[in-house]
């Protein structure tokens, strides 16, 4: 099992979340696997602030993990691709 990341240029975190929701509505499972350490509870409690790591936050806010695994069929790949394209177009035009 591998995770492949999609980063969509110039979107916001709320737009990313909306895109993820629209992809789910097309019965494709995606997720966000990259979460910067300063956003995790332990590191927040230790005083780390995500504002001090703008590049990490920028990458996180635009990232969607795509389903990729060994026996993914060509039809499933096409379904994932179309779900992403349609969801992005509906969200940001």
PDB file of N, CA and C in Angstrom:
ATOM      1  N   UNK A   1       0.848  -1.179   0.000  1.00  0.00           N
ATOM      2  CA  UNK A   1       0.000   0.000   0.000  1.00  0.00           C
ATOM      3  C   UNK A   1       0.887   1.233   0.000  1.00  0.00           C
ATOM      4  N   UNK A   2       0.614   2.146  -0.910  1.00  0.00           N
ATOM      5  CA  UNK A   2       1.359   3.398  -1.001  1.00  0.00           C
ATOM      6  C   UNK A   2       0.384   4.549  -0.907  1.00  0.00           C
ATOM      7  N   UNK A   3       0.889   5.704  -0.516  1.00  0.00           N
ATOM      8  CA  UNK A   3       0.078   6.917  -0.483  1.00  0.00           C
ATOM      9  C   UNK A   3       0.683   7.900  -1.467  1.00  0.00           C
ATOM     10  N   UNK A   4      -0.133   8.381  -2.371  1.00  0.00           N
ATOM     11  CA  UNK A   4       0.305   9.398  -3.309  1.00  0.00           C
ATOM     12  C   UNK A   4      -0.457  10.667  -3.021  1.00  0.00           C
ATOM     13  N   UNK A   5       0.265  11.770  -2.996  1.00  0.00           N
ATOM     14  CA  UNK A   5      -0.319  13.048  -2.616  1.00  0.00           C
ATOM     15  C   UNK A   5      -0.626  13.897  -3.836  1.00  0.00           C
ATOM     16  N   UNK A   6      -1.746  14.561  -3.761  1.00  0.00           N
ATOM     17  CA  UNK A   6      -2.134  15.548  -4.753  1.00  0.00           C
ATOM     18  C   UNK A   6      -2.143  16.883  -4.033  1.00  0.00           C
ATOM     19  N   UNK A   7      -1.450  17.861  -4.575  1.00  0.00           N
ATOM     20  CA  UNK A   7      -1.505  19.219  -4.025  1.00  0.00           C
ATOM     21  C   UNK A   7      -2.059  20.125  -5.105  1.00  0.00           C
ATOM     22  N   UNK A   8      -3.143  20.806  -4.787  1.00  0.00           N
ATOM     23  CA  UNK A   8      -3.835  21.648  -5.749  1.00  0.00           C
ATOM     24  C   UNK A   8      -3.402  23.091  -5.536  1.00  0.00           C
ATOM     25  N   UNK A   9      -2.864  23.676  -6.566  1.00  0.00           N
ATOM     26  CA  UNK A   9      -2.293  25.017  -6.488  1.00  0.00           C
ATOM     27  C   UNK A   9      -3.361  26.064  -6.153  1.00  0.00           C
ATOM     28  N   UNK A  10      -3.016  26.950  -5.249  1.00  0.00           N
ATOM     29  CA  UNK A  10      -3.811  28.136  -4.919  1.00  0.00           C
ATOM     30  C   UNK A  10      -5.189  27.856  -4.337  1.00  0.00           C
ATOM     31  N   UNK A  11      -5.360  26.746  -3.618  1.00  0.00           N
ATOM     32  CA  UNK A  11      -6.623  26.544  -2.918  1.00  0.00           C
ATOM     33  C   UNK A  11      -6.405  26.772  -1.425  1.00  0.00           C
ATOM     34  N   UNK A  12      -7.495  26.976  -0.718  1.00  0.00           N
ATOM     35  CA  UNK A  12      -7.440  27.146   0.726  1.00  0.00           C
ATOM     36  C   UNK A  12      -7.762  25.817   1.409  1.00  0.00           C
ATOM     37  N   UNK A  13      -7.517  25.769   2.703  1.00  0.00           N
ATOM     38  CA  UNK A  13      -7.852  24.555   3.455  1.00  0.00           C
ATOM     39  C   UNK A  13      -9.358  24.261   3.395  1.00  0.00           C
ATOM     40  N   UNK A  14     -10.242  25.259   3.564  1.00  0.00           N
ATOM     41  CA  UNK A  14     -11.675  24.961   3.426  1.00  0.00           C
ATOM     42  C   UNK A  14     -12.054  24.457   2.030  1.00  0.00           C
ATOM     43  N   UNK A  15     -11.427  24.980   0.995  1.00  0.00           N
ATOM     44  CA  UNK A  15     -11.682  24.474  -0.353  1.00  0.00           C
ATOM     45  C   UNK A  15     -11.213  23.031  -0.476  1.00  0.00           C
ATOM     46  N   UNK A  16     -10.047  22.739   0.077  1.00  0.00           N
ATOM     47  CA  UNK A  16      -9.538  21.364   0.065  1.00  0.00           C
ATOM     48  C   UNK A  16     -10.519  20.422   0.744  1.00  0.00           C
ATOM     49  N   UNK A  17     -11.036  20.858   1.904  1.00  0.00           N
ATOM     50  CA  UNK A  17     -11.994  20.027   2.635  1.00  0.00           C
ATOM     51  C   UNK A  17     -13.277  19.825   1.835  1.00  0.00           C
ATOM     52  N   UNK A  18     -13.718  20.852   1.127  1.00  0.00           N
ATOM     53  CA  UNK A  18     -14.906  20.733   0.292  1.00  0.00           C
ATOM     54  C   UNK A  18     -14.657  19.759  -0.871  1.00  0.00           C
ATOM     55  N   UNK A  19     -13.483  19.842  -1.463  1.00  0.00           N
ATOM     56  CA  UNK A  19     -13.120  18.914  -2.542  1.00  0.00           C
ATOM     57  C   UNK A  19     -13.129  17.479  -2.020  1.00  0.00           C
ATOM     58  N   UNK A  20     -12.542  17.255  -0.853  1.00  0.00           N
ATOM     59  CA  UNK A  20     -12.530  15.921  -0.252  1.00  0.00           C
ATOM     60  C   UNK A  20     -13.963  15.419  -0.054  1.00  0.00           C
ATOM     61  N   UNK A  21     -14.841  16.264   0.449  1.00  0.00           N
ATOM     62  CA  UNK A  21     -16.228  15.864   0.669  1.00  0.00           C
ATOM     63  C   UNK A  21     -16.904  15.477  -0.651  1.00  0.00           C
ATOM     64  N   UNK A  22     -16.665  16.262  -1.682  1.00  0.00           N
ATOM     65  CA  UNK A  22     -17.265  15.969  -2.987  1.00  0.00           C
ATOM     66  C   UNK A  22     -16.712  14.659  -3.571  1.00  0.00           C
ATOM     67  N   UNK A  23     -15.443  14.389  -3.335  1.00  0.00           N
ATOM     68  CA  UNK A  23     -14.862  13.123  -3.784  1.00  0.00           C
ATOM     69  C   UNK A  23     -15.516  11.961  -3.041  1.00  0.00           C
ATOM     70  N   UNK A  24     -15.703  12.112  -1.718  1.00  0.00           N
ATOM     71  CA  UNK A  24     -16.396  11.085  -0.929  1.00  0.00           C
ATOM     72  C   UNK A  24     -17.789  10.819  -1.481  1.00  0.00           C
ATOM     73  N   UNK A  25     -18.481  11.877  -1.881  1.00  0.00           N
ATOM     74  CA  UNK A  25     -19.834  11.730  -2.415  1.00  0.00           C
ATOM     75  C   UNK A  25     -19.846  10.902  -3.700  1.00  0.00           C
ATOM     76  N   UNK A  26     -18.699  10.796  -4.339  1.00  0.00           N
ATOM     77  CA  UNK A  26     -18.554   9.969  -5.545  1.00  0.00           C
ATOM     78  C   UNK A  26     -18.022   8.578  -5.200  1.00  0.00           C
ATOM     79  N   UNK A  27     -18.076   8.257  -3.913  1.00  0.00           N
ATOM     80  CA  UNK A  27     -17.689   6.947  -3.389  1.00  0.00           C
ATOM     81  C   UNK A  27     -16.219   6.601  -3.629  1.00  0.00           C
ATOM     82  N   UNK A  28     -15.375   7.620  -3.525  1.00  0.00           N
ATOM     83  CA  UNK A  28     -13.929   7.429  -3.589  1.00  0.00           C
ATOM     84  C   UNK A  28     -13.369   7.890  -2.248  1.00  0.00           C
ATOM     85  N   UNK A  29     -12.572   7.036  -1.621  1.00  0.00           N
ATOM     86  CA  UNK A  29     -11.994   7.367  -0.317  1.00  0.00           C
ATOM     87  C   UNK A  29     -10.653   8.059  -0.490  1.00  0.00           C
ATOM     88  N   UNK A  30     -10.581   9.262   0.025  1.00  0.00           N
ATOM     89  CA  UNK A  30      -9.328  10.010   0.070  1.00  0.00           C
ATOM     90  C   UNK A  30      -9.152  10.495   1.500  1.00  0.00           C
ATOM     91  N   UNK A  31      -7.999  11.061   1.781  1.00  0.00           N
ATOM     92  CA  UNK A  31      -7.710  11.468   3.147  1.00  0.00           C
ATOM     93  C   UNK A  31      -6.648  12.549   3.125  1.00  0.00           C
ATOM     94  N   UNK A  32      -6.265  12.993   4.306  1.00  0.00           N
ATOM     95  CA  UNK A  32      -5.125  13.886   4.475  1.00  0.00           C
ATOM     96  C   UNK A  32      -4.163  13.155   5.397  1.00  0.00           C
ATOM     97  N   UNK A  33      -3.026  12.739   4.867  1.00  0.00           N
ATOM     98  CA  UNK A  33      -2.058  12.002   5.669  1.00  0.00           C
ATOM     99  C   UNK A  33      -0.956  12.888   6.236  1.00  0.00           C
ATOM    100  N   UNK A  34      -0.651  13.985   5.560  1.00  0.00           N
ATOM    101  CA  UNK A  34       0.420  14.865   6.024  1.00  0.00           C
ATOM    102  C   UNK A  34      -0.176  15.917   6.951  1.00  0.00           C
ATOM    103  N   UNK A  35       0.133  15.815   8.222  1.00  0.00           N
ATOM    104  CA  UNK A  35      -0.268  16.829   9.195  1.00  0.00           C
ATOM    105  C   UNK A  35       1.019  17.336   9.845  1.00  0.00           C
ATOM    106  N   UNK A  36       1.306  18.627   9.714  1.00  0.00           N
ATOM    107  CA  UNK A  36       2.540  19.161  10.297  1.00  0.00           C
ATOM    108  C   UNK A  36       2.580  18.939  11.811  1.00  0.00           C
ATOM    109  N   UNK A  37       3.750  18.637  12.318  1.00  0.00           N
ATOM    110  CA  UNK A  37       3.910  18.383  13.755  1.00  0.00           C
ATOM    111  C   UNK A  37       3.347  19.508  14.624  1.00  0.00           C
ATOM    112  N   UNK A  38       3.565  20.792  14.292  1.00  0.00           N
ATOM    113  CA  UNK A  38       3.035  21.846  15.168  1.00  0.00           C
ATOM    114  C   UNK A  38       1.511  21.850  15.294  1.00  0.00           C
ATOM    115  N   UNK A  39       0.808  21.108  14.447  1.00  0.00           N
ATOM    116  CA  UNK A  39      -0.651  21.034  14.538  1.00  0.00           C
ATOM    117  C   UNK A  39      -1.106  19.877  15.422  1.00  0.00           C
ATOM    118  N   UNK A  40      -0.181  19.032  15.832  1.00  0.00           N
ATOM    119  CA  UNK A  40      -0.519  17.897  16.687  1.00  0.00           C
ATOM    120  C   UNK A  40      -0.505  18.333  18.153  1.00  0.00           C
ATOM    121  N   UNK A  41      -1.402  17.744  18.932  1.00  0.00           N
ATOM    122  CA  UNK A  41      -1.640  18.162  20.312  1.00  0.00           C
ATOM    123  C   UNK A  41      -0.353  18.285  21.134  1.00  0.00           C
ATOM    124  N   UNK A  42       0.480  17.277  21.115  1.00  0.00           N
ATOM    125  CA  UNK A  42       1.693  17.300  21.944  1.00  0.00           C
ATOM    126  C   UNK A  42       2.558  18.516  21.623  1.00  0.00           C
ATOM    127  N   UNK A  43       2.767  18.755  20.335  1.00  0.00           N
ATOM    128  CA  UNK A  43       3.641  19.848  19.927  1.00  0.00           C
ATOM    129  C   UNK A  43       3.002  21.205  20.191  1.00  0.00           C
ATOM    130  N   UNK A  44       1.695  21.300  20.048  1.00  0.00           N
ATOM    131  CA  UNK A  44       0.995  22.545  20.409  1.00  0.00           C
ATOM    132  C   UNK A  44       1.206  22.840  21.889  1.00  0.00           C
ATOM    133  N   UNK A  45       1.062  21.798  22.717  1.00  0.00           N
ATOM    134  CA  UNK A  45       1.238  21.971  24.158  1.00  0.00           C
ATOM    135  C   UNK A  45       2.670  22.351  24.519  1.00  0.00           C
ATOM    136  N   UNK A  46       3.615  21.970  23.665  1.00  0.00           N
ATOM    137  CA  UNK A  46       5.016  22.313  23.890  1.00  0.00           C
ATOM    138  C   UNK A  46       5.349  23.718  23.374  1.00  0.00           C
ATOM    139  N   UNK A  47       4.364  24.381  22.799  1.00  0.00           N
ATOM    140  CA  UNK A  47       4.551  25.763  22.379  1.00  0.00           C
ATOM    141  C   UNK A  47       4.837  25.970  20.899  1.00  0.00           C
ATOM    142  N   UNK A  48       4.832  24.902  20.130  1.00  0.00           N
ATOM    143  CA  UNK A  48       5.040  25.060  18.693  1.00  0.00           C
ATOM    144  C   UNK A  48       3.795  25.684  18.077  1.00  0.00           C
ATOM    145  N   UNK A  49       4.010  26.616  17.159  1.00  0.00           N
ATOM    146  CA  UNK A  49       2.900  27.294  16.503  1.00  0.00           C
ATOM    147  C   UNK A  49       3.009  27.081  14.997  1.00  0.00           C
ATOM    148  N   UNK A  50       1.915  26.660  14.375  1.00  0.00           N
ATOM    149  CA  UNK A  50       1.930  26.415  12.937  1.00  0.00           C
ATOM    150  C   UNK A  50       2.258  27.693  12.175  1.00  0.00           C
ATOM    151  N   UNK A  51       1.940  28.839  12.733  1.00  0.00           N
ATOM    152  CA  UNK A  51       2.249  30.117  12.073  1.00  0.00           C
ATOM    153  C   UNK A  51       3.759  30.281  11.840  1.00  0.00           C
ATOM    154  N   UNK A  52       4.562  29.585  12.628  1.00  0.00           N
ATOM    155  CA  UNK A  52       6.019  29.646  12.464  1.00  0.00           C
ATOM    156  C   UNK A  52       6.524  28.708  11.367  1.00  0.00           C
ATOM    157  N   UNK A  53       5.625  27.946  10.762  1.00  0.00           N
ATOM    158  CA  UNK A  53       5.985  26.970   9.728  1.00  0.00           C
ATOM    159  C   UNK A  53       5.058  27.138   8.512  1.00  0.00           C
ATOM    160  N   UNK A  54       5.149  28.286   7.843  1.00  0.00           N
ATOM    161  CA  UNK A  54       4.204  28.588   6.761  1.00  0.00           C
ATOM    162  C   UNK A  54       4.285  27.634   5.576  1.00  0.00           C
ATOM    163  N   UNK A  55       5.445  27.127   5.257  1.00  0.00           N
ATOM    164  CA  UNK A  55       5.567  26.203   4.125  1.00  0.00           C
ATOM    165  C   UNK A  55       4.875  24.879   4.461  1.00  0.00           C
ATOM    166  N   UNK A  56       5.080  24.391   5.663  1.00  0.00           N
ATOM    167  CA  UNK A  56       4.417  23.154   6.082  1.00  0.00           C
ATOM    168  C   UNK A  56       2.905  23.318   6.053  1.00  0.00           C
ATOM    169  N   UNK A  57       2.417  24.455   6.573  1.00  0.00           N
ATOM    170  CA  UNK A  57       0.970  24.671   6.565  1.00  0.00           C
ATOM    171  C   UNK A  57       0.445  24.787   5.135  1.00  0.00           C
ATOM    172  N   UNK A  58       1.170  25.487   4.275  1.00  0.00           N
ATOM    173  CA  UNK A  58       0.735  25.644   2.890  1.00  0.00           C
ATOM    174  C   UNK A  58       0.598  24.280   2.217  1.00  0.00           C
ATOM    175  N   UNK A  59       1.574  23.413   2.403  1.00  0.00           N
ATOM    176  CA  UNK A  59       1.502  22.070   1.814  1.00  0.00           C
ATOM    177  C   UNK A  59       0.334  21.271   2.400  1.00  0.00           C
ATOM    178  N   UNK A  60       0.183  21.321   3.705  1.00  0.00           N
ATOM    179  CA  UNK A  60      -0.911  20.613   4.373  1.00  0.00           C
ATOM    180  C   UNK A  60      -2.270  21.090   3.868  1.00  0.00           C
ATOM    181  N   UNK A  61      -2.433  22.380   3.723  1.00  0.00           N
ATOM    182  CA  UNK A  61      -3.742  22.950   3.395  1.00  0.00           C
ATOM    183  C   UNK A  61      -4.210  22.605   1.985  1.00  0.00           C
ATOM    184  N   UNK A  62      -3.299  22.182   1.120  1.00  0.00           N
ATOM    185  CA  UNK A  62      -3.636  21.879  -0.275  1.00  0.00           C
ATOM    186  C   UNK A  62      -3.519  20.400  -0.616  1.00  0.00           C
ATOM    187  N   UNK A  63      -3.206  19.566   0.360  1.00  0.00           N
ATOM    188  CA  UNK A  63      -2.858  18.170   0.102  1.00  0.00           C
ATOM    189  C   UNK A  63      -4.049  17.232   0.265  1.00  0.00           C
ATOM    190  N   UNK A  64      -4.166  16.311  -0.680  1.00  0.00           N
ATOM    191  CA  UNK A  64      -5.135  15.224  -0.613  1.00  0.00           C
ATOM    192  C   UNK A  64      -4.379  13.934  -0.934  1.00  0.00           C
ATOM    193  N   UNK A  65      -4.546  12.929  -0.092  1.00  0.00           N
ATOM    194  CA  UNK A  65      -3.925  11.625  -0.334  1.00  0.00           C
ATOM    195  C   UNK A  65      -4.859  10.793  -1.200  1.00  0.00           C
ATOM    196  N   UNK A  66      -4.331  10.310  -2.297  1.00  0.00           N
ATOM    197  CA  UNK A  66      -5.112   9.521  -3.248  1.00  0.00           C
ATOM    198  C   UNK A  66      -4.972   8.030  -2.975  1.00  0.00           C
ATOM    199  N   UNK A  67      -6.025   7.255  -3.251  1.00  0.00           N
ATOM    200  CA  UNK A  67      -5.926   5.809  -3.055  1.00  0.00           C
ATOM    201  C   UNK A  67      -5.057   5.176  -4.139  1.00  0.00           C
ATOM    202  N   UNK A  68      -4.037   4.482  -3.702  1.00  0.00           N
ATOM    203  CA  UNK A  68      -3.162   3.773  -4.625  1.00  0.00           C
ATOM    204  C   UNK A  68      -2.744   2.476  -3.946  1.00  0.00           C
ATOM    205  N   UNK A  69      -3.043   1.373  -4.593  1.00  0.00           N
ATOM    206  CA  UNK A  69      -2.614   0.085  -4.068  1.00  0.00           C
ATOM    207  C   UNK A  69      -2.431  -0.881  -5.225  1.00  0.00           C
ATOM    208  N   UNK A  70      -1.786  -1.979  -4.950  1.00  0.00           N
ATOM    209  CA  UNK A  70      -1.308  -2.899  -5.984  1.00  0.00           C
ATOM    210  C   UNK A  70      -2.392  -3.352  -6.952  1.00  0.00           C
ATOM    211  N   UNK A  71      -3.556  -3.754  -6.458  1.00  0.00           N
ATOM    212  CA  UNK A  71      -4.554  -4.330  -7.348  1.00  0.00           C
ATOM    213  C   UNK A  71      -5.644  -3.336  -7.761  1.00  0.00           C
ATOM    214  N   UNK A  72      -5.334  -2.082  -7.768  1.00  0.00           N
ATOM    215  CA  UNK A  72      -6.248  -1.061  -8.270  1.00  0.00           C
ATOM    216  C   UNK A  72      -6.419  -1.260  -9.767  1.00  0.00           C
ATOM    217  N   UNK A  73      -7.663  -1.411 -10.212  1.00  0.00           N
ATOM    218  CA  UNK A  73      -7.905  -1.680 -11.623  1.00  0.00           C
ATOM    219  C   UNK A  73      -7.888  -0.381 -12.432  1.00  0.00           C
ATOM    220  N   UNK A  74      -7.775  -0.517 -13.734  1.00  0.00           N
ATOM    221  CA  UNK A  74      -7.816   0.660 -14.599  1.00  0.00           C
ATOM    222  C   UNK A  74      -9.142   1.392 -14.462  1.00  0.00           C
ATOM    223  N   UNK A  75     -10.236   0.665 -14.326  1.00  0.00           N
ATOM    224  CA  UNK A  75     -11.538   1.301 -14.124  1.00  0.00           C
ATOM    225  C   UNK A  75     -11.579   2.083 -12.816  1.00  0.00           C
ATOM    226  N   UNK A  76     -11.003   1.520 -11.760  1.00  0.00           N
ATOM    227  CA  UNK A  76     -10.953   2.230 -10.481  1.00  0.00           C
ATOM    228  C   UNK A  76     -10.080   3.477 -10.588  1.00  0.00           C
ATOM    229  N   UNK A  77      -8.980   3.376 -11.295  1.00  0.00           N
ATOM    230  CA  UNK A  77      -8.104   4.537 -11.498  1.00  0.00           C
ATOM    231  C   UNK A  77      -8.866   5.640 -12.231  1.00  0.00           C
ATOM    232  N   UNK A  78      -9.591   5.271 -13.272  1.00  0.00           N
ATOM    233  CA  UNK A  78     -10.396   6.257 -14.012  1.00  0.00           C
ATOM    234  C   UNK A  78     -11.453   6.891 -13.105  1.00  0.00           C
ATOM    235  N   UNK A  79     -12.055   6.094 -12.232  1.00  0.00           N
ATOM    236  CA  UNK A  79     -13.055   6.608 -11.295  1.00  0.00           C
ATOM    237  C   UNK A  79     -12.440   7.638 -10.354  1.00  0.00           C
ATOM    238  N   UNK A  80     -11.260   7.329  -9.822  1.00  0.00           N
ATOM    239  CA  UNK A  80     -10.565   8.263  -8.934  1.00  0.00           C
ATOM    240  C   UNK A  80     -10.244   9.558  -9.678  1.00  0.00           C
ATOM    241  N   UNK A  81      -9.683   9.437 -10.852  1.00  0.00           N
ATOM    242  CA  UNK A  81      -9.307  10.612 -11.642  1.00  0.00           C
ATOM    243  C   UNK A  81     -10.528  11.484 -11.919  1.00  0.00           C
ATOM    244  N   UNK A  82     -11.603  10.873 -12.365  1.00  0.00           N
ATOM    245  CA  UNK A  82     -12.799  11.646 -12.701  1.00  0.00           C
ATOM    246  C   UNK A  82     -13.413  12.286 -11.463  1.00  0.00           C
ATOM    247  N   UNK A  83     -13.412  11.576 -10.341  1.00  0.00           N
ATOM    248  CA  UNK A  83     -13.945  12.129  -9.095  1.00  0.00           C
ATOM    249  C   UNK A  83     -13.148  13.357  -8.671  1.00  0.00           C
ATOM    250  N   UNK A  84     -11.821  13.288  -8.798  1.00  0.00           N
ATOM    251  CA  UNK A  84     -10.977  14.427  -8.433  1.00  0.00           C
ATOM    252  C   UNK A  84     -11.242  15.596  -9.375  1.00  0.00           C
ATOM    253  N   UNK A  85     -11.218  15.345 -10.670  1.00  0.00           N
ATOM    254  CA  UNK A  85     -11.426  16.420 -11.648  1.00  0.00           C
ATOM    255  C   UNK A  85     -12.776  17.091 -11.422  1.00  0.00           C
ATOM    256  N   UNK A  86     -13.838  16.301 -11.336  1.00  0.00           N
ATOM    257  CA  UNK A  86     -15.178  16.864 -11.161  1.00  0.00           C
ATOM    258  C   UNK A  86     -15.287  17.658  -9.859  1.00  0.00           C
ATOM    259  N   UNK A  87     -14.718  17.134  -8.788  1.00  0.00           N
ATOM    260  CA  UNK A  87     -14.807  17.787  -7.478  1.00  0.00           C
ATOM    261  C   UNK A  87     -14.039  19.096  -7.455  1.00  0.00           C
ATOM    262  N   UNK A  88     -12.868  19.111  -8.077  1.00  0.00           N
ATOM    263  CA  UNK A  88     -12.087  20.352  -8.136  1.00  0.00           C
ATOM    264  C   UNK A  88     -12.826  21.381  -8.980  1.00  0.00           C
ATOM    265  N   UNK A  89     -13.327  20.966 -10.124  1.00  0.00           N
ATOM    266  CA  UNK A  89     -14.043  21.904 -11.002  1.00  0.00           C
ATOM    267  C   UNK A  89     -15.279  22.474 -10.328  1.00  0.00           C
ATOM    268  N   UNK A  90     -16.019  21.642  -9.588  1.00  0.00           N
ATOM    269  CA  UNK A  90     -17.213  22.124  -8.884  1.00  0.00           C
ATOM    270  C   UNK A  90     -16.856  23.111  -7.775  1.00  0.00           C
ATOM    271  N   UNK A  91     -15.703  22.919  -7.176  1.00  0.00           N
ATOM    272  CA  UNK A  91     -15.315  23.745  -6.036  1.00  0.00           C
ATOM    273  C   UNK A  91     -14.656  25.055  -6.460  1.00  0.00           C
ATOM    274  N   UNK A  92     -13.745  24.972  -7.412  1.00  0.00           N
ATOM    275  CA  UNK A  92     -12.999  26.193  -7.758  1.00  0.00           C
ATOM    276  C   UNK A  92     -13.186  26.626  -9.202  1.00  0.00           C
ATOM    277  N   UNK A  93     -13.982  25.902  -9.946  1.00  0.00           N
ATOM    278  CA  UNK A  93     -14.303  26.321 -11.314  1.00  0.00           C
ATOM    279  C   UNK A  93     -13.310  25.954 -12.362  1.00  0.00           C
TER     280      UNK A  93
END
